[in-house]
């Protein structure tokens, strides 16, 4: 038997895999994956990108580590990072 995976999700996954090179990341996921897994893993928001073949821009996140409570310093760093992302986006 031979199986082939086709469809929108596979195309998006392929595009996100190539985005890793641009952002210097190892695992980049869409917002849909982020929302499904955010209780199990820590993520860092990266950007909103226009993916070839999609009409709507896609929010992308970097998988950072297995979920754990962030320290106060890490929470401050994440907040500062998001402030920078918001300034960059506006």
PDB file of N, CA and C in Angstrom:
ATOM      1  N   UNK A   1       0.831  -1.187   0.000  1.00  0.00           N
ATOM      2  CA  UNK A   1       0.000   0.000   0.000  1.00  0.00           C
ATOM      3  C   UNK A   1       0.869   1.241   0.000  1.00  0.00           C
ATOM      4  N   UNK A   2       0.383   2.248  -0.649  1.00  0.00           N
ATOM      5  CA  UNK A   2       1.042   3.552  -0.640  1.00  0.00           C
ATOM      6  C   UNK A   2       0.043   4.596  -0.171  1.00  0.00           C
ATOM      7  N   UNK A   3       0.529   5.530   0.623  1.00  0.00           N
ATOM      8  CA  UNK A   3      -0.322   6.595   1.110  1.00  0.00           C
ATOM      9  C   UNK A   3       0.333   7.929   0.778  1.00  0.00           C
ATOM     10  N   UNK A   4      -0.491   8.894   0.470  1.00  0.00           N
ATOM     11  CA  UNK A   4      -0.018  10.243   0.196  1.00  0.00           C
ATOM     12  C   UNK A   4      -0.869  11.215   0.995  1.00  0.00           C
ATOM     13  N   UNK A   5      -0.220  12.152   1.662  1.00  0.00           N
ATOM     14  CA  UNK A   5      -0.940  13.174   2.414  1.00  0.00           C
ATOM     15  C   UNK A   5      -1.065  14.416   1.537  1.00  0.00           C
ATOM     16  N   UNK A   6      -2.286  14.842   1.326  1.00  0.00           N
ATOM     17  CA  UNK A   6      -2.555  16.014   0.506  1.00  0.00           C
ATOM     18  C   UNK A   6      -3.503  16.934   1.242  1.00  0.00           C
ATOM     19  N   UNK A   7      -3.564  18.137   0.767  1.00  0.00           N
ATOM     20  CA  UNK A   7      -4.561  19.039   1.298  1.00  0.00           C
ATOM     21  C   UNK A   7      -3.975  20.302   1.877  1.00  0.00           C
ATOM     22  N   UNK A   8      -4.887  21.146   2.331  1.00  0.00           N
ATOM     23  CA  UNK A   8      -4.538  22.470   2.834  1.00  0.00           C
ATOM     24  C   UNK A   8      -3.588  22.404   4.029  1.00  0.00           C
ATOM     25  N   UNK A   9      -3.839  21.489   4.961  1.00  0.00           N
ATOM     26  CA  UNK A   9      -2.985  21.400   6.154  1.00  0.00           C
ATOM     27  C   UNK A   9      -1.558  20.996   5.800  1.00  0.00           C
ATOM     28  N   UNK A  10      -1.404  20.089   4.860  1.00  0.00           N
ATOM     29  CA  UNK A  10      -0.071  19.655   4.454  1.00  0.00           C
ATOM     30  C   UNK A  10       0.658  20.797   3.751  1.00  0.00           C
ATOM     31  N   UNK A  11      -0.050  21.521   2.908  1.00  0.00           N
ATOM     32  CA  UNK A  11       0.565  22.666   2.227  1.00  0.00           C
ATOM     33  C   UNK A  11       1.015  23.732   3.228  1.00  0.00           C
ATOM     34  N   UNK A  12       0.171  24.025   4.206  1.00  0.00           N
ATOM     35  CA  UNK A  12       0.527  25.009   5.224  1.00  0.00           C
ATOM     36  C   UNK A  12       1.735  24.544   6.028  1.00  0.00           C
ATOM     37  N   UNK A  13       1.742  23.281   6.402  1.00  0.00           N
ATOM     38  CA  UNK A  13       2.867  22.729   7.157  1.00  0.00           C
ATOM     39  C   UNK A  13       4.169  22.852   6.378  1.00  0.00           C
ATOM     40  N   UNK A  14       4.113  22.584   5.105  1.00  0.00           N
ATOM     41  CA  UNK A  14       5.298  22.706   4.255  1.00  0.00           C
ATOM     42  C   UNK A  14       5.786  24.148   4.204  1.00  0.00           C
ATOM     43  N   UNK A  15       4.871  25.072   4.079  1.00  0.00           N
ATOM     44  CA  UNK A  15       5.249  26.499   4.045  1.00  0.00           C
ATOM     45  C   UNK A  15       5.867  26.929   5.383  1.00  0.00           C
ATOM     46  N   UNK A  16       5.272  26.463   6.484  1.00  0.00           N
ATOM     47  CA  UNK A  16       5.797  26.841   7.800  1.00  0.00           C
ATOM     48  C   UNK A  16       7.166  26.234   8.056  1.00  0.00           C
ATOM     49  N   UNK A  17       7.404  25.045   7.529  1.00  0.00           N
ATOM     50  CA  UNK A  17       8.717  24.425   7.679  1.00  0.00           C
ATOM     51  C   UNK A  17       9.786  25.290   7.017  1.00  0.00           C
ATOM     52  N   UNK A  18       9.473  25.852   5.858  1.00  0.00           N
ATOM     53  CA  UNK A  18      10.452  26.698   5.179  1.00  0.00           C
ATOM     54  C   UNK A  18      10.601  28.062   5.859  1.00  0.00           C
ATOM     55  N   UNK A  19       9.576  28.500   6.578  1.00  0.00           N
ATOM     56  CA  UNK A  19       9.633  29.770   7.312  1.00  0.00           C
ATOM     57  C   UNK A  19      10.653  29.696   8.452  1.00  0.00           C
ATOM     58  N   UNK A  20      10.892  28.502   8.978  1.00  0.00           N
ATOM     59  CA  UNK A  20      11.866  28.330  10.064  1.00  0.00           C
ATOM     60  C   UNK A  20      13.222  28.915   9.698  1.00  0.00           C
ATOM     61  N   UNK A  21      13.634  28.751   8.469  1.00  0.00           N
ATOM     62  CA  UNK A  21      14.938  29.270   8.034  1.00  0.00           C
ATOM     63  C   UNK A  21      14.990  30.784   8.157  1.00  0.00           C
ATOM     64  N   UNK A  22      13.904  31.440   7.793  1.00  0.00           N
ATOM     65  CA  UNK A  22      13.847  32.900   7.836  1.00  0.00           C
ATOM     66  C   UNK A  22      13.887  33.433   9.277  1.00  0.00           C
ATOM     67  N   UNK A  23      13.164  32.758  10.182  1.00  0.00           N
ATOM     68  CA  UNK A  23      13.071  33.230  11.566  1.00  0.00           C
ATOM     69  C   UNK A  23      14.132  32.632  12.483  1.00  0.00           C
ATOM     70  N   UNK A  24      14.910  31.678  11.983  1.00  0.00           N
ATOM     71  CA  UNK A  24      15.928  31.051  12.810  1.00  0.00           C
ATOM     72  C   UNK A  24      15.342  30.169  13.893  1.00  0.00           C
ATOM     73  N   UNK A  25      14.216  29.529  13.585  1.00  0.00           N
ATOM     74  CA  UNK A  25      13.534  28.671  14.550  1.00  0.00           C
ATOM     75  C   UNK A  25      13.623  27.216  14.085  1.00  0.00           C
ATOM     76  N   UNK A  26      13.223  26.311  14.975  1.00  0.00           N
ATOM     77  CA  UNK A  26      13.226  24.885  14.648  1.00  0.00           C
ATOM     78  C   UNK A  26      11.819  24.348  14.410  1.00  0.00           C
ATOM     79  N   UNK A  27      10.854  24.824  15.212  1.00  0.00           N
ATOM     80  CA  UNK A  27       9.472  24.372  15.059  1.00  0.00           C
ATOM     81  C   UNK A  27       8.563  25.594  15.053  1.00  0.00           C
ATOM     82  N   UNK A  28       7.936  25.803  13.925  1.00  0.00           N
ATOM     83  CA  UNK A  28       7.026  26.925  13.734  1.00  0.00           C
ATOM     84  C   UNK A  28       5.637  26.352  13.469  1.00  0.00           C
ATOM     85  N   UNK A  29       4.623  26.853  14.180  1.00  0.00           N
ATOM     86  CA  UNK A  29       3.272  26.321  14.036  1.00  0.00           C
ATOM     87  C   UNK A  29       2.283  27.447  13.755  1.00  0.00           C
ATOM     88  N   UNK A  30       1.138  27.058  13.227  1.00  0.00           N
ATOM     89  CA  UNK A  30       0.068  28.012  12.949  1.00  0.00           C
ATOM     90  C   UNK A  30      -0.707  28.304  14.235  1.00  0.00           C
ATOM     91  N   UNK A  31      -1.576  29.293  14.155  1.00  0.00           N
ATOM     92  CA  UNK A  31      -2.387  29.651  15.314  1.00  0.00           C
ATOM     93  C   UNK A  31      -3.314  28.505  15.715  1.00  0.00           C
ATOM     94  N   UNK A  32      -3.788  27.754  14.748  1.00  0.00           N
ATOM     95  CA  UNK A  32      -4.681  26.627  15.054  1.00  0.00           C
ATOM     96  C   UNK A  32      -3.971  25.592  15.926  1.00  0.00           C
ATOM     97  N   UNK A  33      -2.730  25.277  15.596  1.00  0.00           N
ATOM     98  CA  UNK A  33      -1.949  24.329  16.407  1.00  0.00           C
ATOM     99  C   UNK A  33      -1.644  24.946  17.767  1.00  0.00           C
ATOM    100  N   UNK A  34      -1.268  26.222  17.765  1.00  0.00           N
ATOM    101  CA  UNK A  34      -0.980  26.925  19.012  1.00  0.00           C
ATOM    102  C   UNK A  34      -2.167  26.849  19.972  1.00  0.00           C
ATOM    103  N   UNK A  35      -3.357  27.157  19.477  1.00  0.00           N
ATOM    104  CA  UNK A  35      -4.543  27.150  20.334  1.00  0.00           C
ATOM    105  C   UNK A  35      -4.851  25.751  20.861  1.00  0.00           C
ATOM    106  N   UNK A  36      -4.555  24.733  20.080  1.00  0.00           N
ATOM    107  CA  UNK A  36      -4.811  23.360  20.504  1.00  0.00           C
ATOM    108  C   UNK A  36      -3.791  22.859  21.531  1.00  0.00           C
ATOM    109  N   UNK A  37      -2.566  23.395  21.485  1.00  0.00           N
ATOM    110  CA  UNK A  37      -1.478  22.841  22.305  1.00  0.00           C
ATOM    111  C   UNK A  37      -0.940  23.786  23.369  1.00  0.00           C
ATOM    112  N   UNK A  38      -1.502  24.985  23.497  1.00  0.00           N
ATOM    113  CA  UNK A  38      -0.917  25.975  24.408  1.00  0.00           C
ATOM    114  C   UNK A  38      -0.964  25.573  25.881  1.00  0.00           C
ATOM    115  N   UNK A  39      -1.828  24.615  26.232  1.00  0.00           N
ATOM    116  CA  UNK A  39      -1.879  24.141  27.619  1.00  0.00           C
ATOM    117  C   UNK A  39      -0.803  23.102  27.910  1.00  0.00           C
ATOM    118  N   UNK A  40      -0.121  22.640  26.862  1.00  0.00           N
ATOM    119  CA  UNK A  40       0.882  21.589  27.013  1.00  0.00           C
ATOM    120  C   UNK A  40       2.302  22.054  26.701  1.00  0.00           C
ATOM    121  N   UNK A  41       2.411  23.178  25.972  1.00  0.00           N
ATOM    122  CA  UNK A  41       3.715  23.696  25.552  1.00  0.00           C
ATOM    123  C   UNK A  41       3.743  25.212  25.678  1.00  0.00           C
ATOM    124  N   UNK A  42       4.943  25.752  25.884  1.00  0.00           N
ATOM    125  CA  UNK A  42       5.133  27.204  25.843  1.00  0.00           C
ATOM    126  C   UNK A  42       5.495  27.598  24.414  1.00  0.00           C
ATOM    127  N   UNK A  43       4.850  28.644  23.927  1.00  0.00           N
ATOM    128  CA  UNK A  43       5.072  29.158  22.585  1.00  0.00           C
ATOM    129  C   UNK A  43       5.478  30.614  22.654  1.00  0.00           C
ATOM    130  N   UNK A  44       6.096  31.082  21.582  1.00  0.00           N
ATOM    131  CA  UNK A  44       6.433  32.502  21.434  1.00  0.00           C
ATOM    132  C   UNK A  44       5.833  32.957  20.113  1.00  0.00           C
ATOM    133  N   UNK A  45       5.029  34.026  20.179  1.00  0.00           N
ATOM    134  CA  UNK A  45       4.455  34.589  18.965  1.00  0.00           C
ATOM    135  C   UNK A  45       5.585  35.112  18.084  1.00  0.00           C
ATOM    136  N   UNK A  46       5.521  34.836  16.795  1.00  0.00           N
ATOM    137  CA  UNK A  46       6.549  35.306  15.871  1.00  0.00           C
ATOM    138  C   UNK A  46       6.059  36.429  14.979  1.00  0.00           C
ATOM    139  N   UNK A  47       4.966  36.182  14.268  1.00  0.00           N
ATOM    140  CA  UNK A  47       4.564  37.139  13.238  1.00  0.00           C
ATOM    141  C   UNK A  47       3.219  36.717  12.665  1.00  0.00           C
ATOM    142  N   UNK A  48       2.676  37.571  11.828  1.00  0.00           N
ATOM    143  CA  UNK A  48       1.533  37.232  10.993  1.00  0.00           C
ATOM    144  C   UNK A  48       2.032  37.292   9.565  1.00  0.00           C
ATOM    145  N   UNK A  49       1.897  36.191   8.837  1.00  0.00           N
ATOM    146  CA  UNK A  49       2.464  36.110   7.496  1.00  0.00           C
ATOM    147  C   UNK A  49       1.394  35.774   6.470  1.00  0.00           C
ATOM    148  N   UNK A  50       1.666  36.152   5.238  1.00  0.00           N
ATOM    149  CA  UNK A  50       0.805  35.773   4.121  1.00  0.00           C
ATOM    150  C   UNK A  50       1.410  34.533   3.486  1.00  0.00           C
ATOM    151  N   UNK A  51       0.681  33.440   3.502  1.00  0.00           N
ATOM    152  CA  UNK A  51       1.159  32.177   2.976  1.00  0.00           C
ATOM    153  C   UNK A  51       0.621  31.988   1.566  1.00  0.00           C
ATOM    154  N   UNK A  52       1.492  31.543   0.678  1.00  0.00           N
ATOM    155  CA  UNK A  52       1.087  31.289  -0.693  1.00  0.00           C
ATOM    156  C   UNK A  52      -0.072  30.290  -0.714  1.00  0.00           C
ATOM    157  N   UNK A  53      -1.112  30.628  -1.454  1.00  0.00           N
ATOM    158  CA  UNK A  53      -2.270  29.750  -1.562  1.00  0.00           C
ATOM    159  C   UNK A  53      -3.350  30.011  -0.535  1.00  0.00           C
ATOM    160  N   UNK A  54      -3.130  30.971   0.372  1.00  0.00           N
ATOM    161  CA  UNK A  54      -4.135  31.317   1.381  1.00  0.00           C
ATOM    162  C   UNK A  54      -4.520  32.783   1.222  1.00  0.00           C
ATOM    163  N   UNK A  55      -5.800  33.051   1.396  1.00  0.00           N
ATOM    164  CA  UNK A  55      -6.285  34.433   1.285  1.00  0.00           C
ATOM    165  C   UNK A  55      -6.127  35.211   2.586  1.00  0.00           C
ATOM    166  N   UNK A  56      -6.172  34.495   3.703  1.00  0.00           N
ATOM    167  CA  UNK A  56      -6.121  35.122   5.027  1.00  0.00           C
ATOM    168  C   UNK A  56      -4.727  34.950   5.615  1.00  0.00           C
ATOM    169  N   UNK A  57      -4.127  36.034   6.149  1.00  0.00           N
ATOM    170  CA  UNK A  57      -2.814  35.897   6.801  1.00  0.00           C
ATOM    171  C   UNK A  57      -2.877  34.913   7.966  1.00  0.00           C
ATOM    172  N   UNK A  58      -1.732  34.281   8.256  1.00  0.00           N
ATOM    173  CA  UNK A  58      -1.642  33.247   9.286  1.00  0.00           C
ATOM    174  C   UNK A  58      -0.725  33.732  10.404  1.00  0.00           C
ATOM    175  N   UNK A  59      -1.200  33.655  11.651  1.00  0.00           N
ATOM    176  CA  UNK A  59      -0.341  33.954  12.798  1.00  0.00           C
ATOM    177  C   UNK A  59       0.530  32.731  13.036  1.00  0.00           C
ATOM    178  N   UNK A  60       1.818  32.973  13.283  1.00  0.00           N
ATOM    179  CA  UNK A  60       2.739  31.866  13.510  1.00  0.00           C
ATOM    180  C   UNK A  60       3.410  32.009  14.872  1.00  0.00           C
ATOM    181  N   UNK A  61       3.726  30.856  15.448  1.00  0.00           N
ATOM    182  CA  UNK A  61       4.311  30.778  16.781  1.00  0.00           C
ATOM    183  C   UNK A  61       5.481  29.808  16.763  1.00  0.00           C
ATOM    184  N   UNK A  62       6.459  30.075  17.619  1.00  0.00           N
ATOM    185  CA  UNK A  62       7.580  29.152  17.793  1.00  0.00           C
ATOM    186  C   UNK A  62       7.309  28.290  19.014  1.00  0.00           C
ATOM    187  N   UNK A  63       7.472  26.980  18.854  1.00  0.00           N
ATOM    188  CA  UNK A  63       7.401  26.077  19.993  1.00  0.00           C
ATOM    189  C   UNK A  63       8.694  26.228  20.778  1.00  0.00           C
ATOM    190  N   UNK A  64       8.577  26.583  22.066  1.00  0.00           N
ATOM    191  CA  UNK A  64       9.751  26.864  22.879  1.00  0.00           C
ATOM    192  C   UNK A  64      10.127  25.669  23.758  1.00  0.00           C
ATOM    193  N   UNK A  65       9.157  25.125  24.487  1.00  0.00           N
ATOM    194  CA  UNK A  65       9.447  24.029  25.406  1.00  0.00           C
ATOM    195  C   UNK A  65       8.150  23.424  25.905  1.00  0.00           C
ATOM    196  N   UNK A  66       8.286  22.297  26.599  1.00  0.00           N
ATOM    197  CA  UNK A  66       7.147  21.696  27.266  1.00  0.00           C
ATOM    198  C   UNK A  66       6.620  22.684  28.294  1.00  0.00           C
ATOM    199  N   UNK A  67       5.317  22.707  28.491  1.00  0.00           N
ATOM    200  CA  UNK A  67       4.707  23.704  29.361  1.00  0.00           C
ATOM    201  C   UNK A  67       5.265  23.659  30.774  1.00  0.00           C
ATOM    202  N   UNK A  68       5.525  24.835  31.287  1.00  0.00           N
ATOM    203  CA  UNK A  68       5.891  25.025  32.689  1.00  0.00           C
ATOM    204  C   UNK A  68       5.533  26.460  33.051  1.00  0.00           C
ATOM    205  N   UNK A  69       5.371  26.706  34.326  1.00  0.00           N
ATOM    206  CA  UNK A  69       5.086  28.062  34.782  1.00  0.00           C
ATOM    207  C   UNK A  69       6.323  28.924  34.572  1.00  0.00           C
ATOM    208  N   UNK A  70       6.133  30.092  33.978  1.00  0.00           N
ATOM    209  CA  UNK A  70       7.258  30.988  33.745  1.00  0.00           C
ATOM    210  C   UNK A  70       7.619  31.728  35.029  1.00  0.00           C
ATOM    211  N   UNK A  71       8.903  31.996  35.191  1.00  0.00           N
ATOM    212  CA  UNK A  71       9.347  32.796  36.329  1.00  0.00           C
ATOM    213  C   UNK A  71       8.914  34.232  36.110  1.00  0.00           C
ATOM    214  N   UNK A  72       8.992  35.024  37.132  1.00  0.00           N
ATOM    215  CA  UNK A  72       8.623  36.440  37.028  1.00  0.00           C
ATOM    216  C   UNK A  72       9.462  37.132  35.963  1.00  0.00           C
ATOM    217  N   UNK A  73      10.757  36.843  35.939  1.00  0.00           N
ATOM    218  CA  UNK A  73      11.651  37.461  34.956  1.00  0.00           C
ATOM    219  C   UNK A  73      11.275  37.043  33.526  1.00  0.00           C
ATOM    220  N   UNK A  74      10.919  35.770  33.353  1.00  0.00           N
ATOM    221  CA  UNK A  74      10.510  35.288  32.036  1.00  0.00           C
ATOM    222  C   UNK A  74       9.193  35.925  31.599  1.00  0.00           C
ATOM    223  N   UNK A  75       8.282  36.128  32.553  1.00  0.00           N
ATOM    224  CA  UNK A  75       7.021  36.796  32.239  1.00  0.00           C
ATOM    225  C   UNK A  75       7.271  38.235  31.801  1.00  0.00           C
ATOM    226  N   UNK A  76       8.206  38.924  32.482  1.00  0.00           N
ATOM    227  CA  UNK A  76       8.556  40.291  32.101  1.00  0.00           C
ATOM    228  C   UNK A  76       9.185  40.325  30.711  1.00  0.00           C
ATOM    229  N   UNK A  77      10.069  39.379  30.435  1.00  0.00           N
ATOM    230  CA  UNK A  77      10.713  39.297  29.128  1.00  0.00           C
ATOM    231  C   UNK A  77       9.674  39.048  28.036  1.00  0.00           C
ATOM    232  N   UNK A  78       8.742  38.140  28.286  1.00  0.00           N
ATOM    233  CA  UNK A  78       7.688  37.858  27.313  1.00  0.00           C
ATOM    234  C   UNK A  78       6.823  39.093  27.079  1.00  0.00           C
ATOM    235  N   UNK A  79       6.501  39.806  28.143  1.00  0.00           N
ATOM    236  CA  UNK A  79       5.702  41.026  28.021  1.00  0.00           C
ATOM    237  C   UNK A  79       6.446  42.085  27.208  1.00  0.00           C
ATOM    238  N   UNK A  80       7.733  42.263  27.477  1.00  0.00           N
ATOM    239  CA  UNK A  80       8.535  43.223  26.721  1.00  0.00           C
ATOM    240  C   UNK A  80       8.633  42.818  25.247  1.00  0.00           C
ATOM    241  N   UNK A  81       8.785  41.518  25.002  1.00  0.00           N
ATOM    242  CA  UNK A  81       8.848  41.018  23.631  1.00  0.00           C
ATOM    243  C   UNK A  81       7.552  41.338  22.895  1.00  0.00           C
ATOM    244  N   UNK A  82       6.405  41.090  23.533  1.00  0.00           N
ATOM    245  CA  UNK A  82       5.117  41.363  22.899  1.00  0.00           C
ATOM    246  C   UNK A  82       4.911  42.869  22.691  1.00  0.00           C
ATOM    247  N   UNK A  83       5.415  43.694  23.600  1.00  0.00           N
ATOM    248  CA  UNK A  83       5.370  45.150  23.381  1.00  0.00           C
ATOM    249  C   UNK A  83       6.132  45.507  22.115  1.00  0.00           C
ATOM    250  N   UNK A  84       7.308  44.892  21.931  1.00  0.00           N
ATOM    251  CA  UNK A  84       8.088  45.132  20.728  1.00  0.00           C
ATOM    252  C   UNK A  84       7.379  44.657  19.479  1.00  0.00           C
ATOM    253  N   UNK A  85       6.756  43.500  19.541  1.00  0.00           N
ATOM    254  CA  UNK A  85       6.001  42.962  18.397  1.00  0.00           C
ATOM    255  C   UNK A  85       4.851  43.901  18.049  1.00  0.00           C
ATOM    256  N   UNK A  86       4.153  44.406  19.056  1.00  0.00           N
ATOM    257  CA  UNK A  86       3.040  45.328  18.806  1.00  0.00           C
ATOM    258  C   UNK A  86       3.509  46.619  18.175  1.00  0.00           C
ATOM    259  N   UNK A  87       4.657  47.140  18.617  1.00  0.00           N
ATOM    260  CA  UNK A  87       5.207  48.359  18.011  1.00  0.00           C
ATOM    261  C   UNK A  87       5.626  48.087  16.561  1.00  0.00           C
ATOM    262  N   UNK A  88       6.218  46.931  16.315  1.00  0.00           N
ATOM    263  CA  UNK A  88       6.652  46.536  14.972  1.00  0.00           C
ATOM    264  C   UNK A  88       5.437  46.399  14.041  1.00  0.00           C
ATOM    265  N   UNK A  89       4.347  45.858  14.577  1.00  0.00           N
ATOM    266  CA  UNK A  89       3.156  45.591  13.765  1.00  0.00           C
ATOM    267  C   UNK A  89       2.346  46.834  13.461  1.00  0.00           C
ATOM    268  N   UNK A  90       2.475  47.854  14.275  1.00  0.00           N
ATOM    269  CA  UNK A  90       1.649  49.061  14.061  1.00  0.00           C
ATOM    270  C   UNK A  90       2.310  50.082  13.168  1.00  0.00           C
TER     271      UNK A  90
END
